[in-house]
Amino acid sequence: MVVMGFSIRSGIVTFKDMDRSVVVKGLAEREVKADKVTWPLVYKELGNDPSEMYNTLEMKNQKVVNFLKGAGIKSEEISVNPPVISDRQADNYGNEIMNYRYKATSVITVISSDVDKVRQLMRRQTELMRQGIAIVSEEYGSNAVRYEFTGLNSIKPGMVEEATKKARETAQKFAEDSESTLGGIKSAQQGQFSIEDRDANSPYIKRVRVVTTVDYSLE
């Protein structure tokens, strides 16, 4: 058996001399905009009186919600999580002197399909700082902004067709170069679709990719 590998238009060819067939891979890629965004707004509060801190958090939560609704975010797109208060003195293993014993963390999450609106709103976070609310939404990985593309089913057929077409073009070119005639499909396999960020600076643009493997007979 002689194995030949080369790349033609995103195709990878394997020639099987014994059964006169050629295996090709066709690649299809598309760039799409994310259609769902999850934006956690996180801020923290220090104090010595938990009851007073809860009141402060409720007041600030309302300010954040008003800010979001005023920018066109719907009520059903906003989720206010219960605040989390930790005892810094209990967790202090180094006997550090602290001015504030308790630390409270509040998280308000926006989940929306209007990605452009939310991205524009992110640029206005300084308006909350003027109200005494410092958003630290990307301090932790679990609280980072997440962009998703949920419309994969709508582009699947077109991408599979494109990948199969590229595979056939590669197989046809190989057949011509080897002075053969391209026959029918002996078997075909569709790879899994992958969705990833186009780059680190544009997570709201996704790259969708699929590879189709087709085995053609040669005459």
N, C-alpha and C. Protein backbone atom coordinates (compact mmCIF):
# COMPACT_ATOMS: atom_id res chain seq x y z
N MET A 1 0.86 -1.20 0.00
CA MET A 1 0.00 0.00 0.00
C MET A 1 0.88 1.23 0.00
N VAL A 2 0.54 2.14 -0.83
CA VAL A 2 1.27 3.41 -0.92
C VAL A 2 0.38 4.49 -0.34
N VAL A 3 0.87 5.20 0.68
CA VAL A 3 0.09 6.26 1.33
C VAL A 3 0.64 7.60 0.90
N MET A 4 -0.22 8.41 0.34
CA MET A 4 0.19 9.74 -0.12
C MET A 4 -0.63 10.78 0.62
N GLY A 5 0.03 11.77 1.19
CA GLY A 5 -0.69 12.83 1.89
C GLY A 5 -0.28 14.19 1.38
N PHE A 6 -1.24 15.00 1.00
CA PHE A 6 -0.96 16.38 0.63
C PHE A 6 -2.21 17.20 0.84
N SER A 7 -2.04 18.52 0.90
CA SER A 7 -3.17 19.42 1.19
C SER A 7 -3.55 20.20 -0.05
N ILE A 8 -4.84 20.15 -0.41
CA ILE A 8 -5.38 20.92 -1.53
C ILE A 8 -6.69 21.54 -1.07
N ARG A 9 -6.70 22.88 -0.96
CA ARG A 9 -7.93 23.57 -0.58
C ARG A 9 -8.52 23.00 0.71
N SER A 10 -7.77 22.95 1.72
CA SER A 10 -8.20 22.45 3.01
C SER A 10 -8.50 20.96 2.98
N GLY A 11 -8.08 20.22 1.95
CA GLY A 11 -8.37 18.79 1.87
C GLY A 11 -7.14 17.98 2.18
N ILE A 12 -7.33 16.83 2.83
CA ILE A 12 -6.23 15.92 3.13
C ILE A 12 -6.54 14.61 2.41
N VAL A 13 -5.62 14.12 1.61
CA VAL A 13 -5.88 12.98 0.76
C VAL A 13 -5.10 11.77 1.23
N THR A 14 -5.75 10.61 1.27
CA THR A 14 -5.08 9.34 1.51
C THR A 14 -5.45 8.40 0.37
N PHE A 15 -4.46 7.90 -0.37
CA PHE A 15 -4.71 7.06 -1.53
C PHE A 15 -4.47 5.60 -1.15
N LYS A 16 -5.48 4.76 -1.42
CA LYS A 16 -5.38 3.32 -1.14
C LYS A 16 -5.25 2.59 -2.47
N ASP A 17 -4.06 2.11 -2.75
CA ASP A 17 -3.78 1.52 -4.06
C ASP A 17 -4.48 0.17 -4.22
N MET A 18 -4.62 -0.59 -3.15
CA MET A 18 -5.15 -1.95 -3.25
C MET A 18 -6.61 -1.95 -3.70
N ASP A 19 -7.43 -1.05 -3.14
CA ASP A 19 -8.84 -1.04 -3.51
C ASP A 19 -9.20 0.17 -4.36
N ARG A 20 -8.17 0.88 -4.86
CA ARG A 20 -8.38 2.01 -5.76
C ARG A 20 -9.40 3.00 -5.21
N SER A 21 -9.05 3.58 -4.10
CA SER A 21 -9.93 4.59 -3.49
C SER A 21 -9.08 5.71 -2.92
N VAL A 22 -9.72 6.81 -2.67
CA VAL A 22 -9.03 7.96 -2.11
C VAL A 22 -9.89 8.54 -0.99
N VAL A 23 -9.29 8.83 0.15
CA VAL A 23 -9.98 9.40 1.30
C VAL A 23 -9.59 10.88 1.40
N VAL A 24 -10.58 11.74 1.39
CA VAL A 24 -10.31 13.17 1.45
C VAL A 24 -11.07 13.80 2.61
N LYS A 25 -10.55 14.91 3.07
CA LYS A 25 -11.19 15.67 4.14
C LYS A 25 -11.52 17.07 3.64
N GLY A 26 -12.74 17.49 3.85
CA GLY A 26 -13.15 18.83 3.46
C GLY A 26 -13.43 19.67 4.70
N LEU A 27 -12.87 20.86 4.73
CA LEU A 27 -13.01 21.74 5.89
C LEU A 27 -13.93 22.91 5.57
N ALA A 28 -14.85 23.21 6.48
CA ALA A 28 -15.71 24.39 6.35
C ALA A 28 -15.60 25.21 7.63
N GLU A 29 -15.40 26.50 7.48
CA GLU A 29 -15.28 27.41 8.63
C GLU A 29 -16.16 28.63 8.39
N ARG A 30 -16.73 29.14 9.47
CA ARG A 30 -17.51 30.37 9.40
C ARG A 30 -17.28 31.18 10.66
N GLU A 31 -17.34 32.49 10.50
CA GLU A 31 -17.29 33.40 11.65
C GLU A 31 -18.70 33.94 11.88
N VAL A 32 -19.16 33.83 13.11
CA VAL A 32 -20.51 34.28 13.45
C VAL A 32 -20.45 35.13 14.72
N LYS A 33 -21.45 35.98 14.89
CA LYS A 33 -21.55 36.78 16.10
C LYS A 33 -22.26 35.99 17.18
N ALA A 34 -21.79 36.13 18.41
CA ALA A 34 -22.47 35.49 19.54
C ALA A 34 -23.89 36.02 19.63
N ASP A 35 -24.83 35.15 19.99
CA ASP A 35 -26.22 35.57 20.12
C ASP A 35 -26.73 35.46 21.56
N LYS A 36 -25.80 35.25 22.50
CA LYS A 36 -26.17 35.20 23.92
C LYS A 36 -24.99 35.68 24.75
N VAL A 37 -25.25 36.51 25.74
CA VAL A 37 -24.20 37.02 26.61
C VAL A 37 -24.63 36.87 28.07
N THR A 38 -23.68 36.47 28.89
CA THR A 38 -23.89 36.39 30.34
C THR A 38 -22.91 37.34 30.99
N TRP A 39 -23.44 38.36 31.65
CA TRP A 39 -22.61 39.42 32.23
C TRP A 39 -22.84 39.48 33.74
N PRO A 40 -21.91 38.97 34.54
CA PRO A 40 -22.03 39.08 35.99
C PRO A 40 -21.45 40.41 36.47
N LEU A 41 -22.25 41.18 37.19
CA LEU A 41 -21.77 42.42 37.80
C LEU A 41 -21.50 42.14 39.27
N VAL A 42 -20.24 42.19 39.65
CA VAL A 42 -19.83 41.84 41.00
C VAL A 42 -19.27 43.07 41.69
N TYR A 43 -19.70 43.30 42.92
CA TYR A 43 -19.09 44.35 43.73
C TYR A 43 -19.01 43.88 45.17
N LYS A 44 -18.14 44.51 45.94
CA LYS A 44 -17.86 44.07 47.30
C LYS A 44 -18.08 45.20 48.29
N GLU A 45 -18.32 44.79 49.53
CA GLU A 45 -18.56 45.74 50.60
C GLU A 45 -17.87 45.26 51.87
N LEU A 46 -17.24 46.19 52.60
CA LEU A 46 -16.58 45.87 53.87
C LEU A 46 -17.32 46.54 55.02
N GLY A 47 -17.30 45.90 56.18
CA GLY A 47 -17.97 46.48 57.35
C GLY A 47 -17.80 45.62 58.58
N ASN A 48 -18.34 46.11 59.67
CA ASN A 48 -18.27 45.39 60.94
C ASN A 48 -19.64 44.95 61.45
N ASP A 49 -20.69 45.47 60.82
CA ASP A 49 -22.06 45.15 61.24
C ASP A 49 -22.78 44.46 60.07
N PRO A 50 -22.99 43.14 60.15
CA PRO A 50 -23.63 42.42 59.04
C PRO A 50 -25.01 42.97 58.68
N SER A 51 -25.79 43.35 59.69
CA SER A 51 -27.12 43.87 59.42
C SER A 51 -27.05 45.16 58.61
N GLU A 52 -26.16 46.04 58.99
CA GLU A 52 -25.98 47.29 58.27
C GLU A 52 -25.46 47.04 56.85
N MET A 53 -24.61 46.03 56.73
CA MET A 53 -24.07 45.71 55.41
C MET A 53 -25.15 45.20 54.47
N TYR A 54 -26.07 44.39 55.00
CA TYR A 54 -27.17 43.90 54.18
C TYR A 54 -28.02 45.07 53.66
N ASN A 55 -28.27 46.02 54.52
CA ASN A 55 -29.06 47.19 54.09
C ASN A 55 -28.34 47.96 52.99
N THR A 56 -27.02 48.09 53.14
CA THR A 56 -26.22 48.78 52.12
C THR A 56 -26.24 48.03 50.80
N LEU A 57 -26.15 46.71 50.90
CA LEU A 57 -26.16 45.89 49.69
C LEU A 57 -27.50 45.99 48.97
N GLU A 58 -28.58 45.98 49.71
CA GLU A 58 -29.90 46.10 49.09
C GLU A 58 -30.06 47.44 48.38
N MET A 59 -29.54 48.48 49.00
CA MET A 59 -29.62 49.80 48.39
C MET A 59 -28.80 49.85 47.10
N LYS A 60 -27.60 49.29 47.14
CA LYS A 60 -26.74 49.30 45.96
C LYS A 60 -27.29 48.38 44.88
N ASN A 61 -27.85 47.24 45.28
CA ASN A 61 -28.46 46.34 44.30
C ASN A 61 -29.56 47.06 43.52
N GLN A 62 -30.35 47.83 44.23
CA GLN A 62 -31.43 48.56 43.57
C GLN A 62 -30.88 49.59 42.59
N LYS A 63 -29.78 50.22 42.96
CA LYS A 63 -29.15 51.19 42.05
C LYS A 63 -28.66 50.50 40.79
N VAL A 64 -28.08 49.31 40.95
CA VAL A 64 -27.57 48.58 39.78
C VAL A 64 -28.73 48.16 38.89
N VAL A 65 -29.81 47.64 39.49
CA VAL A 65 -30.98 47.21 38.72
C VAL A 65 -31.59 48.41 37.97
N ASN A 66 -31.69 49.54 38.65
CA ASN A 66 -32.22 50.75 38.00
C ASN A 66 -31.34 51.17 36.83
N PHE A 67 -30.04 51.06 37.02
CA PHE A 67 -29.10 51.39 35.95
C PHE A 67 -29.32 50.48 34.74
N LEU A 68 -29.50 49.19 34.98
CA LEU A 68 -29.69 48.24 33.89
C LEU A 68 -31.02 48.46 33.18
N LYS A 69 -32.08 48.62 33.96
CA LYS A 69 -33.40 48.82 33.35
C LYS A 69 -33.46 50.14 32.59
N GLY A 70 -32.79 51.14 33.11
CA GLY A 70 -32.76 52.42 32.43
C GLY A 70 -32.07 52.36 31.09
N ALA A 71 -31.22 51.34 30.91
CA ALA A 71 -30.52 51.17 29.63
C ALA A 71 -31.24 50.21 28.70
N GLY A 72 -32.43 49.75 29.11
CA GLY A 72 -33.21 48.89 28.22
C GLY A 72 -33.12 47.41 28.52
N ILE A 73 -32.45 47.02 29.61
CA ILE A 73 -32.39 45.61 29.98
C ILE A 73 -33.72 45.22 30.64
N LYS A 74 -34.31 44.13 30.20
CA LYS A 74 -35.60 43.70 30.72
C LYS A 74 -35.46 43.03 32.08
N SER A 75 -36.54 43.07 32.86
CA SER A 75 -36.53 42.49 34.20
C SER A 75 -36.19 41.00 34.17
N GLU A 76 -36.74 40.29 33.17
CA GLU A 76 -36.49 38.85 33.10
C GLU A 76 -35.05 38.52 32.69
N GLU A 77 -34.30 39.51 32.26
CA GLU A 77 -32.90 39.29 31.91
C GLU A 77 -31.96 39.58 33.08
N ILE A 78 -32.51 40.00 34.21
CA ILE A 78 -31.71 40.37 35.37
C ILE A 78 -31.96 39.40 36.51
N SER A 79 -30.87 38.89 37.09
CA SER A 79 -30.96 37.98 38.23
C SER A 79 -30.11 38.52 39.37
N VAL A 80 -30.75 38.73 40.54
CA VAL A 80 -30.04 39.24 41.71
C VAL A 80 -29.78 38.07 42.66
N ASN A 81 -28.53 37.74 42.86
CA ASN A 81 -28.18 36.62 43.73
C ASN A 81 -28.07 37.08 45.18
N PRO A 82 -28.35 36.18 46.13
CA PRO A 82 -28.19 36.53 47.54
C PRO A 82 -26.73 36.90 47.83
N PRO A 83 -26.49 37.91 48.65
CA PRO A 83 -25.11 38.30 48.96
C PRO A 83 -24.41 37.24 49.80
N VAL A 84 -23.12 37.19 49.65
CA VAL A 84 -22.30 36.25 50.41
C VAL A 84 -21.39 37.06 51.34
N ILE A 85 -21.50 36.78 52.65
CA ILE A 85 -20.69 37.51 53.64
C ILE A 85 -19.71 36.55 54.30
N SER A 86 -18.45 36.92 54.29
CA SER A 86 -17.41 36.10 54.93
C SER A 86 -16.83 36.83 56.12
N ASP A 87 -16.45 36.05 57.14
CA ASP A 87 -15.85 36.59 58.36
C ASP A 87 -14.34 36.60 58.18
N ARG A 88 -13.79 37.74 57.91
CA ARG A 88 -12.35 37.85 57.66
C ARG A 88 -11.53 37.53 58.89
N GLN A 89 -12.08 37.81 60.06
CA GLN A 89 -11.36 37.53 61.30
C GLN A 89 -11.24 36.03 61.52
N ALA A 90 -12.29 35.29 61.20
CA ALA A 90 -12.26 33.84 61.37
C ALA A 90 -11.29 33.20 60.39
N ASP A 91 -11.11 33.82 59.21
CA ASP A 91 -10.21 33.28 58.19
C ASP A 91 -8.80 33.83 58.29
N ASN A 92 -8.55 34.65 59.30
CA ASN A 92 -7.24 35.30 59.45
C ASN A 92 -6.29 34.39 60.21
N TYR A 93 -5.41 33.73 59.49
CA TYR A 93 -4.46 32.82 60.13
C TYR A 93 -3.16 33.52 60.52
N GLY A 94 -2.97 34.73 60.01
CA GLY A 94 -1.72 35.42 60.31
C GLY A 94 -1.87 36.49 61.37
N ASN A 95 -3.01 36.51 62.07
CA ASN A 95 -3.26 37.51 63.12
C ASN A 95 -3.10 38.94 62.60
N GLU A 96 -3.53 39.14 61.34
CA GLU A 96 -3.45 40.47 60.75
C GLU A 96 -4.50 41.39 61.38
N ILE A 97 -4.10 42.61 61.64
CA ILE A 97 -5.03 43.60 62.21
C ILE A 97 -5.93 44.12 61.10
N MET A 98 -7.25 44.04 61.33
CA MET A 98 -8.20 44.42 60.31
C MET A 98 -9.10 45.54 60.80
N ASN A 99 -9.34 46.50 59.92
CA ASN A 99 -10.27 47.57 60.27
C ASN A 99 -11.72 47.13 60.07
N TYR A 100 -11.91 46.17 59.15
CA TYR A 100 -13.25 45.67 58.87
C TYR A 100 -13.25 44.15 58.98
N ARG A 101 -14.21 43.65 59.78
CA ARG A 101 -14.24 42.22 60.04
C ARG A 101 -14.90 41.43 58.91
N TYR A 102 -15.95 42.00 58.31
CA TYR A 102 -16.73 41.25 57.33
C TYR A 102 -16.53 41.78 55.90
N LYS A 103 -16.59 40.85 54.97
CA LYS A 103 -16.53 41.21 53.55
C LYS A 103 -17.75 40.59 52.86
N ALA A 104 -18.51 41.41 52.18
CA ALA A 104 -19.71 40.95 51.48
C ALA A 104 -19.50 41.04 49.97
N THR A 105 -19.99 40.03 49.26
CA THR A 105 -19.92 40.01 47.80
C THR A 105 -21.32 39.89 47.23
N SER A 106 -21.66 40.77 46.32
CA SER A 106 -22.97 40.74 45.68
C SER A 106 -22.79 40.55 44.18
N VAL A 107 -23.62 39.68 43.60
CA VAL A 107 -23.54 39.39 42.17
C VAL A 107 -24.91 39.58 41.54
N ILE A 108 -24.97 40.43 40.54
CA ILE A 108 -26.18 40.63 39.74
C ILE A 108 -25.84 40.21 38.31
N THR A 109 -26.59 39.26 37.77
CA THR A 109 -26.26 38.67 36.48
C THR A 109 -27.26 39.10 35.41
N VAL A 110 -26.72 39.50 34.27
CA VAL A 110 -27.53 39.83 33.11
C VAL A 110 -27.33 38.74 32.07
N ILE A 111 -28.42 38.11 31.62
CA ILE A 111 -28.38 37.12 30.55
C ILE A 111 -29.30 37.61 29.45
N SER A 112 -28.72 37.92 28.29
CA SER A 112 -29.50 38.55 27.23
C SER A 112 -29.08 38.05 25.86
N SER A 113 -30.03 38.11 24.92
CA SER A 113 -29.73 37.79 23.52
C SER A 113 -29.36 39.03 22.73
N ASP A 114 -29.51 40.19 23.34
CA ASP A 114 -29.12 41.45 22.68
C ASP A 114 -27.67 41.76 23.06
N VAL A 115 -26.76 41.10 22.39
CA VAL A 115 -25.34 41.20 22.72
C VAL A 115 -24.82 42.62 22.53
N ASP A 116 -25.22 43.27 21.44
CA ASP A 116 -24.72 44.61 21.16
C ASP A 116 -25.13 45.59 22.26
N LYS A 117 -26.37 45.50 22.72
CA LYS A 117 -26.84 46.40 23.77
C LYS A 117 -26.05 46.21 25.07
N VAL A 118 -25.82 44.96 25.42
CA VAL A 118 -25.08 44.68 26.66
C VAL A 118 -23.63 45.15 26.54
N ARG A 119 -23.03 44.95 25.38
CA ARG A 119 -21.64 45.40 25.20
C ARG A 119 -21.53 46.92 25.31
N GLN A 120 -22.51 47.63 24.77
CA GLN A 120 -22.52 49.08 24.91
C GLN A 120 -22.69 49.50 26.35
N LEU A 121 -23.50 48.74 27.09
CA LEU A 121 -23.74 49.05 28.49
C LEU A 121 -22.49 48.82 29.33
N MET A 122 -21.69 47.85 28.97
CA MET A 122 -20.45 47.58 29.71
C MET A 122 -19.52 48.79 29.70
N ARG A 123 -19.58 49.54 28.64
CA ARG A 123 -18.71 50.72 28.54
C ARG A 123 -19.17 51.84 29.46
N ARG A 124 -20.35 51.71 30.02
CA ARG A 124 -20.90 52.77 30.88
C ARG A 124 -20.81 52.43 32.37
N GLN A 125 -19.96 51.48 32.72
CA GLN A 125 -19.86 51.06 34.12
C GLN A 125 -19.38 52.19 35.03
N THR A 126 -18.70 53.17 34.45
CA THR A 126 -18.23 54.28 35.27
C THR A 126 -19.39 55.05 35.91
N GLU A 127 -20.56 54.95 35.30
CA GLU A 127 -21.73 55.61 35.88
C GLU A 127 -22.07 55.02 37.23
N LEU A 128 -21.82 53.74 37.40
CA LEU A 128 -22.05 53.10 38.69
C LEU A 128 -20.99 53.52 39.71
N MET A 129 -19.78 53.72 39.25
CA MET A 129 -18.71 54.16 40.15
C MET A 129 -19.02 55.53 40.74
N ARG A 130 -19.68 56.37 39.96
CA ARG A 130 -20.07 57.68 40.48
C ARG A 130 -21.09 57.56 41.60
N GLN A 131 -21.78 56.41 41.64
CA GLN A 131 -22.75 56.17 42.69
C GLN A 131 -22.16 55.33 43.83
N GLY A 132 -20.84 55.16 43.81
CA GLY A 132 -20.17 54.44 44.89
C GLY A 132 -20.17 52.93 44.72
N ILE A 133 -20.37 52.45 43.49
CA ILE A 133 -20.40 51.01 43.24
C ILE A 133 -19.29 50.66 42.25
N ALA A 134 -18.29 49.96 42.73
CA ALA A 134 -17.15 49.57 41.88
C ALA A 134 -17.36 48.14 41.40
N ILE A 135 -17.63 47.97 40.11
CA ILE A 135 -17.87 46.65 39.54
C ILE A 135 -16.55 45.96 39.26
N VAL A 136 -16.43 44.72 39.75
CA VAL A 136 -15.22 43.92 39.52
C VAL A 136 -15.64 42.60 38.87
N SER A 137 -16.40 42.67 37.79
CA SER A 137 -17.03 41.50 37.20
C SER A 137 -16.04 40.47 36.65
N GLU A 138 -14.80 40.89 36.34
CA GLU A 138 -13.85 39.94 35.78
C GLU A 138 -12.71 39.63 36.74
N GLU A 139 -12.96 39.80 38.01
CA GLU A 139 -11.90 39.52 38.97
C GLU A 139 -11.61 38.02 39.05
N TYR A 140 -12.65 37.21 38.88
CA TYR A 140 -12.49 35.76 38.94
C TYR A 140 -12.97 35.15 37.64
N GLY A 141 -12.36 34.03 37.25
CA GLY A 141 -12.74 33.38 36.01
C GLY A 141 -14.20 32.98 35.96
N SER A 142 -14.75 32.51 37.09
CA SER A 142 -16.14 32.07 37.11
C SER A 142 -17.11 33.23 36.96
N ASN A 143 -16.64 34.45 37.17
CA ASN A 143 -17.50 35.62 37.06
C ASN A 143 -17.15 36.47 35.85
N ALA A 144 -16.48 35.87 34.88
CA ALA A 144 -16.12 36.61 33.68
C ALA A 144 -17.31 36.66 32.72
N VAL A 145 -17.30 37.62 31.84
CA VAL A 145 -18.34 37.73 30.81
C VAL A 145 -18.21 36.55 29.85
N ARG A 146 -19.35 35.93 29.52
CA ARG A 146 -19.34 34.78 28.61
C ARG A 146 -20.23 35.07 27.41
N TYR A 147 -19.69 34.77 26.22
CA TYR A 147 -20.44 34.91 24.98
C TYR A 147 -20.67 33.53 24.38
N GLU A 148 -21.88 33.30 23.87
CA GLU A 148 -22.22 32.01 23.30
C GLU A 148 -22.90 32.19 21.96
N PHE A 149 -22.78 31.15 21.11
CA PHE A 149 -23.52 31.10 19.86
C PHE A 149 -24.45 29.89 19.93
N THR A 150 -25.75 30.14 19.88
CA THR A 150 -26.74 29.07 20.06
C THR A 150 -27.44 28.69 18.76
N GLY A 151 -27.06 29.32 17.66
CA GLY A 151 -27.75 29.07 16.40
C GLY A 151 -27.05 28.07 15.50
N LEU A 152 -26.38 27.10 16.08
CA LEU A 152 -25.61 26.15 15.28
C LEU A 152 -26.49 25.36 14.31
N ASN A 153 -27.67 24.95 14.76
CA ASN A 153 -28.53 24.13 13.90
C ASN A 153 -28.92 24.84 12.60
N SER A 154 -28.96 26.16 12.64
CA SER A 154 -29.38 26.90 11.45
C SER A 154 -28.29 26.95 10.38
N ILE A 155 -27.03 26.76 10.75
CA ILE A 155 -25.94 26.82 9.78
C ILE A 155 -25.31 25.45 9.51
N LYS A 156 -25.72 24.44 10.25
CA LYS A 156 -25.15 23.10 10.05
C LYS A 156 -25.29 22.59 8.63
N PRO A 157 -26.50 22.57 8.04
CA PRO A 157 -26.63 22.00 6.69
C PRO A 157 -25.73 22.67 5.66
N GLY A 158 -25.68 24.00 5.68
CA GLY A 158 -24.85 24.72 4.73
C GLY A 158 -23.37 24.43 4.90
N MET A 159 -22.93 24.29 6.15
CA MET A 159 -21.51 24.02 6.39
C MET A 159 -21.13 22.60 5.99
N VAL A 160 -22.03 21.64 6.25
CA VAL A 160 -21.75 20.27 5.84
C VAL A 160 -21.68 20.18 4.31
N GLU A 161 -22.59 20.88 3.64
CA GLU A 161 -22.57 20.91 2.17
C GLU A 161 -21.27 21.52 1.65
N GLU A 162 -20.83 22.60 2.29
CA GLU A 162 -19.58 23.25 1.87
C GLU A 162 -18.39 22.34 2.08
N ALA A 163 -18.34 21.67 3.23
CA ALA A 163 -17.21 20.78 3.52
C ALA A 163 -17.19 19.60 2.56
N THR A 164 -18.38 19.06 2.25
CA THR A 164 -18.45 17.93 1.31
C THR A 164 -18.03 18.36 -0.09
N LYS A 165 -18.42 19.55 -0.50
CA LYS A 165 -18.04 20.07 -1.80
C LYS A 165 -16.52 20.22 -1.91
N LYS A 166 -15.91 20.75 -0.86
CA LYS A 166 -14.45 20.91 -0.87
C LYS A 166 -13.75 19.56 -0.91
N ALA A 167 -14.34 18.57 -0.20
CA ALA A 167 -13.75 17.24 -0.23
C ALA A 167 -13.80 16.66 -1.64
N ARG A 168 -14.92 16.86 -2.33
CA ARG A 168 -15.05 16.34 -3.70
C ARG A 168 -14.08 17.06 -4.65
N GLU A 169 -13.91 18.37 -4.48
CA GLU A 169 -12.97 19.11 -5.33
C GLU A 169 -11.56 18.56 -5.15
N THR A 170 -11.21 18.24 -3.92
CA THR A 170 -9.88 17.68 -3.64
C THR A 170 -9.74 16.30 -4.27
N ALA A 171 -10.79 15.48 -4.12
CA ALA A 171 -10.75 14.14 -4.70
C ALA A 171 -10.68 14.20 -6.22
N GLN A 172 -11.42 15.13 -6.83
CA GLN A 172 -11.40 15.28 -8.28
C GLN A 172 -10.02 15.68 -8.78
N LYS A 173 -9.39 16.59 -8.06
CA LYS A 173 -8.04 17.02 -8.44
C LYS A 173 -7.05 15.87 -8.34
N PHE A 174 -7.20 15.07 -7.29
CA PHE A 174 -6.31 13.91 -7.13
C PHE A 174 -6.52 12.91 -8.25
N ALA A 175 -7.79 12.68 -8.61
CA ALA A 175 -8.09 11.72 -9.68
C ALA A 175 -7.46 12.17 -11.00
N GLU A 176 -7.56 13.47 -11.29
CA GLU A 176 -6.98 13.99 -12.53
C GLU A 176 -5.47 13.84 -12.52
N ASP A 177 -4.84 14.14 -11.40
CA ASP A 177 -3.38 14.05 -11.32
C ASP A 177 -2.89 12.61 -11.42
N SER A 178 -3.72 11.66 -10.98
CA SER A 178 -3.32 10.25 -11.03
C SER A 178 -3.89 9.54 -12.26
N GLU A 179 -4.44 10.33 -13.21
CA GLU A 179 -4.99 9.80 -14.45
C GLU A 179 -6.04 8.73 -14.17
N SER A 180 -6.93 9.07 -13.23
CA SER A 180 -8.03 8.17 -12.88
C SER A 180 -9.34 8.93 -13.04
N THR A 181 -10.42 8.17 -12.94
CA THR A 181 -11.75 8.75 -12.97
C THR A 181 -12.37 8.62 -11.59
N LEU A 182 -12.89 9.71 -11.10
CA LEU A 182 -13.49 9.69 -9.76
C LEU A 182 -14.82 8.95 -9.79
N GLY A 183 -14.95 7.96 -8.90
CA GLY A 183 -16.17 7.17 -8.83
C GLY A 183 -17.11 7.68 -7.75
N GLY A 184 -17.93 6.78 -7.26
CA GLY A 184 -18.92 7.15 -6.26
C GLY A 184 -18.35 7.15 -4.85
N ILE A 185 -19.18 7.57 -3.92
CA ILE A 185 -18.79 7.62 -2.51
C ILE A 185 -18.92 6.22 -1.90
N LYS A 186 -17.84 5.76 -1.30
CA LYS A 186 -17.87 4.47 -0.62
C LYS A 186 -18.31 4.63 0.83
N SER A 187 -17.88 5.71 1.45
CA SER A 187 -18.29 5.99 2.84
C SER A 187 -18.04 7.46 3.12
N ALA A 188 -18.75 7.98 4.08
CA ALA A 188 -18.59 9.39 4.46
C ALA A 188 -18.79 9.52 5.96
N GLN A 189 -18.05 10.44 6.54
CA GLN A 189 -18.15 10.65 7.99
C GLN A 189 -18.06 12.15 8.28
N GLN A 190 -19.04 12.63 9.02
CA GLN A 190 -19.04 14.05 9.43
C GLN A 190 -18.40 14.18 10.80
N GLY A 191 -17.43 15.06 10.90
CA GLY A 191 -16.79 15.29 12.19
C GLY A 191 -17.67 16.15 13.08
N GLN A 192 -17.24 16.33 14.30
CA GLN A 192 -17.98 17.16 15.25
C GLN A 192 -17.76 18.64 14.95
N PHE A 193 -18.79 19.42 15.18
CA PHE A 193 -18.67 20.87 15.05
C PHE A 193 -17.95 21.42 16.27
N SER A 194 -17.07 22.38 16.04
CA SER A 194 -16.39 23.07 17.14
C SER A 194 -16.69 24.56 17.07
N ILE A 195 -16.89 25.16 18.23
CA ILE A 195 -17.15 26.59 18.32
C ILE A 195 -16.15 27.18 19.31
N GLU A 196 -15.38 28.15 18.87
CA GLU A 196 -14.39 28.78 19.75
C GLU A 196 -14.28 30.26 19.43
N ASP A 197 -13.66 31.00 20.35
CA ASP A 197 -13.47 32.43 20.13
C ASP A 197 -12.57 32.65 18.92
N ARG A 198 -12.90 33.67 18.14
CA ARG A 198 -12.04 33.98 17.00
C ARG A 198 -10.64 34.36 17.48
N ASP A 199 -10.59 35.18 18.54
CA ASP A 199 -9.32 35.56 19.14
C ASP A 199 -9.61 36.04 20.56
N ALA A 200 -8.55 36.27 21.32
CA ALA A 200 -8.70 36.64 22.73
C ALA A 200 -9.33 38.02 22.91
N ASN A 201 -9.19 38.88 21.91
CA ASN A 201 -9.71 40.24 22.03
C ASN A 201 -11.14 40.40 21.50
N SER A 202 -11.66 39.37 20.85
CA SER A 202 -13.02 39.45 20.30
C SER A 202 -13.81 38.19 20.66
N PRO A 203 -14.06 37.96 21.94
CA PRO A 203 -14.78 36.73 22.34
C PRO A 203 -16.23 36.71 21.88
N TYR A 204 -16.75 37.84 21.43
CA TYR A 204 -18.13 37.90 20.95
C TYR A 204 -18.22 37.50 19.47
N ILE A 205 -17.09 37.22 18.84
CA ILE A 205 -17.05 36.67 17.48
C ILE A 205 -16.57 35.23 17.60
N LYS A 206 -17.36 34.31 17.09
CA LYS A 206 -17.04 32.90 17.21
C LYS A 206 -16.63 32.31 15.86
N ARG A 207 -15.74 31.33 15.90
CA ARG A 207 -15.36 30.58 14.70
C ARG A 207 -15.94 29.18 14.81
N VAL A 208 -16.79 28.84 13.84
CA VAL A 208 -17.41 27.52 13.79
C VAL A 208 -16.68 26.69 12.75
N ARG A 209 -16.39 25.42 13.07
CA ARG A 209 -15.54 24.61 12.20
C ARG A 209 -16.07 23.17 12.16
N VAL A 210 -16.03 22.56 10.98
CA VAL A 210 -16.39 21.15 10.84
C VAL A 210 -15.55 20.54 9.72
N VAL A 211 -15.19 19.28 9.87
CA VAL A 211 -14.42 18.55 8.87
C VAL A 211 -15.22 17.31 8.46
N THR A 212 -15.39 17.13 7.15
CA THR A 212 -16.08 15.96 6.62
C THR A 212 -15.07 15.05 5.93
N THR A 213 -15.12 13.77 6.24
CA THR A 213 -14.23 12.77 5.64
C THR A 213 -15.02 11.89 4.67
N VAL A 214 -14.56 11.84 3.42
CA VAL A 214 -15.26 11.08 2.37
C VAL A 214 -14.28 10.13 1.69
N ASP A 215 -14.75 8.90 1.48
CA ASP A 215 -13.96 7.88 0.80
C ASP A 215 -14.57 7.66 -0.59
N TYR A 216 -13.82 8.04 -1.66
CA TYR A 216 -14.29 7.89 -3.04
C TYR A 216 -13.58 6.72 -3.71
N SER A 217 -14.27 6.05 -4.58
CA SER A 217 -13.63 5.02 -5.39
C SER A 217 -12.98 5.67 -6.61
N LEU A 218 -11.95 5.04 -7.11
CA LEU A 218 -11.25 5.52 -8.29
C LEU A 218 -11.33 4.46 -9.37
N GLU A 219 -11.60 4.87 -10.59
CA GLU A 219 -11.68 3.94 -11.71
C GLU A 219 -10.54 4.22 -12.68
